[in-house]
C-alpha atoms as a PDB file:
ATOM      1  CA  MET A   1     -19.892  -1.404  24.136  1.00  0.00           C
ATOM      2  CA  ALA A   2     -21.269  -4.533  22.463  1.00  0.00           C
ATOM      3  CA  ARG A   3     -18.022  -4.902  20.515  1.00  0.00           C
ATOM      4  CA  ASP A   4     -16.067  -4.800  23.798  1.00  0.00           C
ATOM      5  CA  LEU A   5     -18.275  -7.537  25.251  1.00  0.00           C
ATOM      6  CA  ASP A   6     -17.874  -9.657  22.113  1.00  0.00           C
ATOM      7  CA  GLU A   7     -14.113  -9.219  22.192  1.00  0.00           C
ATOM      8  CA  ARG A   8     -13.924  -9.950  25.895  1.00  0.00           C
ATOM      9  CA  SER A   9     -16.019 -13.108  25.560  1.00  0.00           C
ATOM     10  CA  LEU A  10     -13.882 -14.250  22.607  1.00  0.00           C
ATOM     11  CA  ILE A  11     -10.702 -13.687  24.630  1.00  0.00           C
ATOM     12  CA  GLU A  12     -12.101 -15.600  27.574  1.00  0.00           C
ATOM     13  CA  ALA A  13     -13.230 -18.429  25.282  1.00  0.00           C
ATOM     14  CA  SER A  14      -9.730 -18.538  23.747  1.00  0.00           C
ATOM     15  CA  GLN A  15      -8.168 -18.676  27.192  1.00  0.00           C
ATOM     16  CA  ARG A  16     -10.297 -21.739  27.983  1.00  0.00           C
ATOM     17  CA  ASP A  17      -9.854 -23.343  24.551  1.00  0.00           C
ATOM     18  CA  PRO A  18      -6.793 -22.227  22.528  1.00  0.00           C
ATOM     19  CA  ARG A  19      -8.463 -23.448  19.317  1.00  0.00           C
ATOM     20  CA  ARG A  20     -10.731 -20.393  19.563  1.00  0.00           C
ATOM     21  CA  PHE A  21      -7.660 -18.159  19.177  1.00  0.00           C
ATOM     22  CA  ALA A  22      -8.083 -18.418  15.403  1.00  0.00           C
ATOM     23  CA  GLU A  23     -11.000 -15.985  15.666  1.00  0.00           C
ATOM     24  CA  LEU A  24      -8.837 -13.431  17.483  1.00  0.00           C
ATOM     25  CA  TYR A  25      -6.156 -13.977  14.871  1.00  0.00           C
ATOM     26  CA  GLU A  26      -8.590 -13.344  12.011  1.00  0.00           C
ATOM     27  CA  ALA A  27     -10.038 -10.251  13.677  1.00  0.00           C
ATOM     28  CA  ASN A  28      -6.626  -8.662  14.277  1.00  0.00           C
ATOM     29  CA  PHE A  29      -4.289  -9.958  11.570  1.00  0.00           C
ATOM     30  CA  GLU A  30      -4.571  -6.961   9.215  1.00  0.00           C
ATOM     31  CA  ARG A  31      -3.987  -4.447  12.000  1.00  0.00           C
ATOM     32  CA  VAL A  32      -0.906  -6.207  13.301  1.00  0.00           C
ATOM     33  CA  TYR A  33       0.521  -6.788   9.824  1.00  0.00           C
ATOM     34  CA  ALA A  34      -0.076  -3.143   8.871  1.00  0.00           C
ATOM     35  CA  TYR A  35       1.556  -2.018  12.122  1.00  0.00           C
ATOM     36  CA  ALA A  36       4.607  -4.198  11.490  1.00  0.00           C
ATOM     37  CA  ALA A  37       4.850  -3.354   7.784  1.00  0.00           C
ATOM     38  CA  ALA A  38       4.801   0.369   8.523  1.00  0.00           C
ATOM     39  CA  ARG A  39       7.688   0.023  10.923  1.00  0.00           C
ATOM     40  CA  VAL A  40      10.040  -2.503   9.382  1.00  0.00           C
ATOM     41  CA  ARG A  41       9.583  -1.485   5.717  1.00  0.00           C
ATOM     42  CA  ASP A  42      10.384  -5.010   4.555  1.00  0.00           C
ATOM     43  CA  ARG A  43       7.585  -7.395   3.610  1.00  0.00           C
ATOM     44  CA  ALA A  44       9.320 -10.587   4.715  1.00  0.00           C
ATOM     45  CA  GLU A  45      10.309  -9.096   8.050  1.00  0.00           C
ATOM     46  CA  ALA A  46       6.778  -7.717   8.571  1.00  0.00           C
ATOM     47  CA  GLN A  47       5.446 -11.225   7.983  1.00  0.00           C
ATOM     48  CA  ASP A  48       7.968 -12.632  10.461  1.00  0.00           C
ATOM     49  CA  VAL A  49       7.065 -10.019  13.080  1.00  0.00           C
ATOM     50  CA  THR A  50       3.345 -10.667  12.586  1.00  0.00           C
ATOM     51  CA  SER A  51       3.887 -14.389  12.988  1.00  0.00           C
ATOM     52  CA  GLU A  52       5.983 -13.809  16.099  1.00  0.00           C
ATOM     53  CA  VAL A  53       3.310 -11.522  17.597  1.00  0.00           C
ATOM     54  CA  PHE A  54       0.538 -14.078  17.250  1.00  0.00           C
ATOM     55  CA  HIS A  55       2.789 -16.895  18.446  1.00  0.00           C
ATOM     56  CA  GLN A  56       3.666 -14.904  21.594  1.00  0.00           C
ATOM     57  CA  ALA A  57       0.048 -13.833  22.080  1.00  0.00           C
ATOM     58  CA  LEU A  58      -1.177 -17.424  21.957  1.00  0.00           C
ATOM     59  CA  GLU A  59       1.641 -18.572  24.203  1.00  0.00           C
ATOM     60  CA  ASN A  60       0.846 -15.870  26.797  1.00  0.00           C
ATOM     61  CA  LEU A  61      -2.921 -15.633  26.396  1.00  0.00           C
ATOM     62  CA  ASP A  62      -3.509 -17.088  29.840  1.00  0.00           C
ATOM     63  CA  ARG A  63      -1.711 -14.025  31.295  1.00  0.00           C
ATOM     64  CA  PHE A  64      -3.884 -11.532  29.398  1.00  0.00           C
ATOM     65  CA  GLU A  65      -6.184  -9.665  31.726  1.00  0.00           C
ATOM     66  CA  TRP A  66      -9.192  -7.768  30.337  1.00  0.00           C
ATOM     67  CA  ARG A  67      -9.095  -4.088  31.353  1.00  0.00           C
ATOM     68  CA  GLY A  68     -11.490  -2.617  28.817  1.00  0.00           C
ATOM     69  CA  VAL A  69      -8.695  -1.814  26.340  1.00  0.00           C
ATOM     70  CA  PRO A  70      -8.952  -3.368  22.858  1.00  0.00           C
ATOM     71  CA  PHE A  71      -7.089  -6.646  22.434  1.00  0.00           C
ATOM     72  CA  ALA A  72      -5.249  -5.049  19.498  1.00  0.00           C
ATOM     73  CA  ALA A  73      -3.476  -2.698  21.928  1.00  0.00           C
ATOM     74  CA  TRP A  74      -1.889  -5.712  23.627  1.00  0.00           C
ATOM     75  CA  LEU A  75      -0.901  -7.103  20.229  1.00  0.00           C
ATOM     76  CA  TYR A  76       0.612  -3.729  19.235  1.00  0.00           C
ATOM     77  CA  ARG A  77       2.688  -3.754  22.422  1.00  0.00           C
ATOM     78  CA  ILE A  78       3.940  -7.262  21.627  1.00  0.00           C
ATOM     79  CA  ALA A  79       4.726  -6.122  18.069  1.00  0.00           C
ATOM     80  CA  ALA A  80       6.547  -3.006  19.274  1.00  0.00           C
ATOM     81  CA  ASN A  81       8.667  -5.124  21.598  1.00  0.00           C
ATOM     82  CA  ALA A  82       9.377  -7.677  18.857  1.00  0.00           C
ATOM     83  CA  ILE A  83      10.395  -4.913  16.443  1.00  0.00           C
ATOM     84  CA  ALA A  84      12.594  -3.261  19.076  1.00  0.00           C
ATOM     85  CA  ASP A  85      14.249  -6.604  19.856  1.00  0.00           C
ATOM     86  CA  ARG A  86      14.900  -7.211  16.157  1.00  0.00           C
ATOM     87  CA  ALA A  87      16.247  -3.685  15.700  1.00  0.00           C
ATOM     88  CA  GLY A  88      18.531  -4.155  18.694  1.00  0.00           C
ATOM     89  CA  ARG A  89      19.870  -7.416  17.311  1.00  0.00           C
ATOM     90  CA  ALA A  90      20.329  -5.878  13.867  1.00  0.00           C
ATOM     91  CA  ALA A  91      22.108  -2.833  15.315  1.00  0.00           C
ATOM     92  CA  ARG A  92      24.525  -5.078  17.190  1.00  0.00           C
ATOM     93  CA  GLU A  93      25.161  -7.064  14.014  1.00  0.00           C
ATOM     94  CA  ARG A  94      25.936  -4.145  11.684  1.00  0.00           C
ATOM     95  CA  PRO A  95      28.495  -1.328  11.764  1.00  0.00           C
ATOM     96  CA  LEU A  96      27.381   2.006  13.229  1.00  0.00           C
ATOM     97  CA  ASP A  97      27.592   3.843   9.916  1.00  0.00           C
ATOM     98  CA  GLU A  98      24.812   1.611   8.527  1.00  0.00           C
ATOM     99  CA  ALA A  99      22.375   2.327  11.364  1.00  0.00           C
ATOM    100  CA  GLU A 100      19.112   4.000  10.334  1.00  0.00           C
ATOM    101  CA  PRO A 101      16.671   5.959  12.498  1.00  0.00           C
ATOM    102  CA  ALA A 102      13.592   4.113  13.716  1.00  0.00           C
ATOM    103  CA  ALA A 103      10.496   4.766  11.636  1.00  0.00           C
ATOM    104  CA  ARG A 104       7.723   6.609  13.480  1.00  0.00           C
ATOM    105  CA  VAL A 105       4.255   5.915  12.242  1.00  0.00           C
ATOM    106  CA  ASP A 106       1.140   6.810  14.151  1.00  0.00           C
ATOM    107  CA  LEU A 107      -1.744   4.513  14.937  1.00  0.00           C
ATOM    108  CA  GLU A 108      -4.033   6.313  12.493  1.00  0.00           C
ATOM    109  CA  GLU A 109      -1.793   5.324   9.588  1.00  0.00           C
ATOM    110  CA  THR A 110      -1.769   1.749  10.865  1.00  0.00           C
ATOM    111  CA  GLU A 111      -5.559   1.700  11.052  1.00  0.00           C
ATOM    112  CA  LEU A 112      -5.763   3.134   7.519  1.00  0.00           C
ATOM    113  CA  ARG A 113      -3.466   0.386   6.213  1.00  0.00           C
ATOM    114  CA  ALA A 114      -5.591  -2.247   7.946  1.00  0.00           C
ATOM    115  CA  LYS A 115      -8.712  -0.730   6.386  1.00  0.00           C
ATOM    116  CA  VAL A 116      -7.084  -0.860   2.934  1.00  0.00           C
ATOM    117  CA  PHE A 117      -6.169  -4.534   3.454  1.00  0.00           C
ATOM    118  CA  ARG A 118      -9.798  -5.300   4.360  1.00  0.00           C
ATOM    119  CA  LEU A 119     -11.125  -3.341   1.368  1.00  0.00           C
ATOM    120  CA  VAL A 120      -8.775  -5.134  -1.028  1.00  0.00           C
ATOM    121  CA  LYS A 121     -10.251  -8.437   0.165  1.00  0.00           C
ATOM    122  CA  GLU A 122     -13.711  -7.145  -0.816  1.00  0.00           C
ATOM    123  CA  LEU A 123     -12.676  -6.399  -4.422  1.00  0.00           C
ATOM    124  CA  PRO A 124     -13.537  -8.820  -7.217  1.00  0.00           C
ATOM    125  CA  ALA A 125     -11.022 -11.686  -7.117  1.00  0.00           C
ATOM    126  CA  GLU A 126      -8.919 -10.686 -10.148  1.00  0.00           C
ATOM    127  CA  GLN A 127      -8.745  -7.019  -9.109  1.00  0.00           C
ATOM    128  CA  ALA A 128      -7.688  -8.044  -5.599  1.00  0.00           C
ATOM    129  CA  LYS A 129      -5.046 -10.407  -6.994  1.00  0.00           C
ATOM    130  CA  VAL A 130      -3.618  -7.681  -9.246  1.00  0.00           C
ATOM    131  CA  ILE A 131      -3.521  -5.136  -6.402  1.00  0.00           C
ATOM    132  CA  GLU A 132      -1.881  -7.634  -4.031  1.00  0.00           C
ATOM    133  CA  MET A 133       0.707  -8.763  -6.567  1.00  0.00           C
ATOM    134  CA  ARG A 134       1.528  -5.235  -7.748  1.00  0.00           C
ATOM    135  CA  PHE A 135       1.637  -3.376  -4.432  1.00  0.00           C
ATOM    136  CA  ALA A 136       2.195  -5.968  -1.709  1.00  0.00           C
ATOM    137  CA  GLY A 137       4.297  -8.302  -3.833  1.00  0.00           C
ATOM    138  CA  GLY A 138       6.092  -5.715  -5.941  1.00  0.00           C
ATOM    139  CA  ALA A 139       5.443  -7.588  -9.193  1.00  0.00           C
ATOM    140  CA  SER A 140       5.565  -5.792 -12.537  1.00  0.00           C
ATOM    141  CA  VAL A 141       2.555  -5.533 -14.841  1.00  0.00           C
ATOM    142  CA  ARG A 142       4.242  -8.059 -17.133  1.00  0.00           C
ATOM    143  CA  GLU A 143       4.781 -10.538 -14.261  1.00  0.00           C
ATOM    144  CA  VAL A 144       1.173 -10.210 -13.120  1.00  0.00           C
ATOM    145  CA  ALA A 145      -0.100 -10.663 -16.684  1.00  0.00           C
ATOM    146  CA  LYS A 146       1.972 -13.818 -17.121  1.00  0.00           C
ATOM    147  CA  HIS A 147       0.827 -15.205 -13.755  1.00  0.00           C
ATOM    148  CA  LEU A 148      -2.865 -14.533 -14.479  1.00  0.00           C
ATOM    149  CA  GLY A 149      -2.689 -15.521 -18.147  1.00  0.00           C
ATOM    150  CA  ARG A 150      -4.001 -12.079 -19.154  1.00  0.00           C
ATOM    151  CA  SER A 151      -2.692  -9.312 -21.383  1.00  0.00           C
ATOM    152  CA  GLU A 152      -0.747  -6.426 -19.861  1.00  0.00           C
ATOM    153  CA  GLY A 153      -3.570  -4.107 -20.929  1.00  0.00           C
ATOM    154  CA  ALA A 154      -6.106  -6.260 -19.066  1.00  0.00           C
ATOM    155  CA  VAL A 155      -3.923  -6.180 -15.952  1.00  0.00           C
ATOM    156  CA  LYS A 156      -3.629  -2.389 -16.175  1.00  0.00           C
ATOM    157  CA  GLN A 157      -7.405  -2.135 -16.492  1.00  0.00           C
ATOM    158  CA  LEU A 158      -7.963  -4.447 -13.513  1.00  0.00           C
ATOM    159  CA  GLN A 159      -5.470  -2.410 -11.493  1.00  0.00           C
ATOM    160  CA  TYR A 160      -7.139   0.868 -12.478  1.00  0.00           C
ATOM    161  CA  ARG A 161     -10.615  -0.390 -11.583  1.00  0.00           C
ATOM    162  CA  GLY A 162      -9.416  -1.878  -8.300  1.00  0.00           C
ATOM    163  CA  LEU A 163      -7.633   1.309  -7.256  1.00  0.00           C
ATOM    164  CA  GLN A 164     -10.627   3.426  -8.240  1.00  0.00           C
ATOM    165  CA  THR A 165     -12.937   1.232  -6.165  1.00  0.00           C
ATOM    166  CA  LEU A 166     -10.558   1.478  -3.199  1.00  0.00           C
ATOM    167  CA  ARG A 167     -10.427   5.281  -3.521  1.00  0.00           C
ATOM    168  CA  ASP A 168     -14.216   5.461  -3.645  1.00  0.00           C
ATOM    169  CA  ARG A 169     -14.676   3.157  -0.654  1.00  0.00           C
ATOM    170  CA  LEU A 170     -12.018   4.953   1.384  1.00  0.00           C
ATOM    171  CA  GLY A 171     -13.795   8.227   0.610  1.00  0.00           C
ATOM    172  CA  GLU A 172     -17.090   6.738   1.794  1.00  0.00           C
ATOM    173  CA  THR A 173     -15.613   5.509   5.085  1.00  0.00           C
ATOM    174  CA  ASP A 174     -13.979   8.855   5.864  1.00  0.00           C
ATOM    175  CA  ALA A 175     -17.135  10.905   5.236  1.00  0.00           C
END
């Protein structure tokens, strides 16, 4: 209940002063990015969709009406529409034999991805950097080692420790 009141007051403050929107952005970025990434399966496109969602949300914030539903639900709806629009444009631009079925991912998976993003941010800096570069950026161990100025063995150790910490913390939050 208190969280709803905090969110509502933050929304109302952002409607009065758009500079306050940054707080809504920070509070919801991981969720929206995880939602988009799970559906578009392309990092650059997920980033574009996320950017588009927050741009549209800010642009239309004055039309948002509090109904007791989390603000993220409105953002998810904007994201779903943006993804559908992009898919429609892409389908019109490519031959039918290249069309692929829309990915269906439930909200629980999206929330889990958002939780993982938050937990990665809580890791020690080098572990977080390795995890981000390896799994979000798709870099090889060698590329990460070169970027960080560390040996490949050190990068593997940082990755192992980071993943183990994430597993432990995910286990704690699910219990």
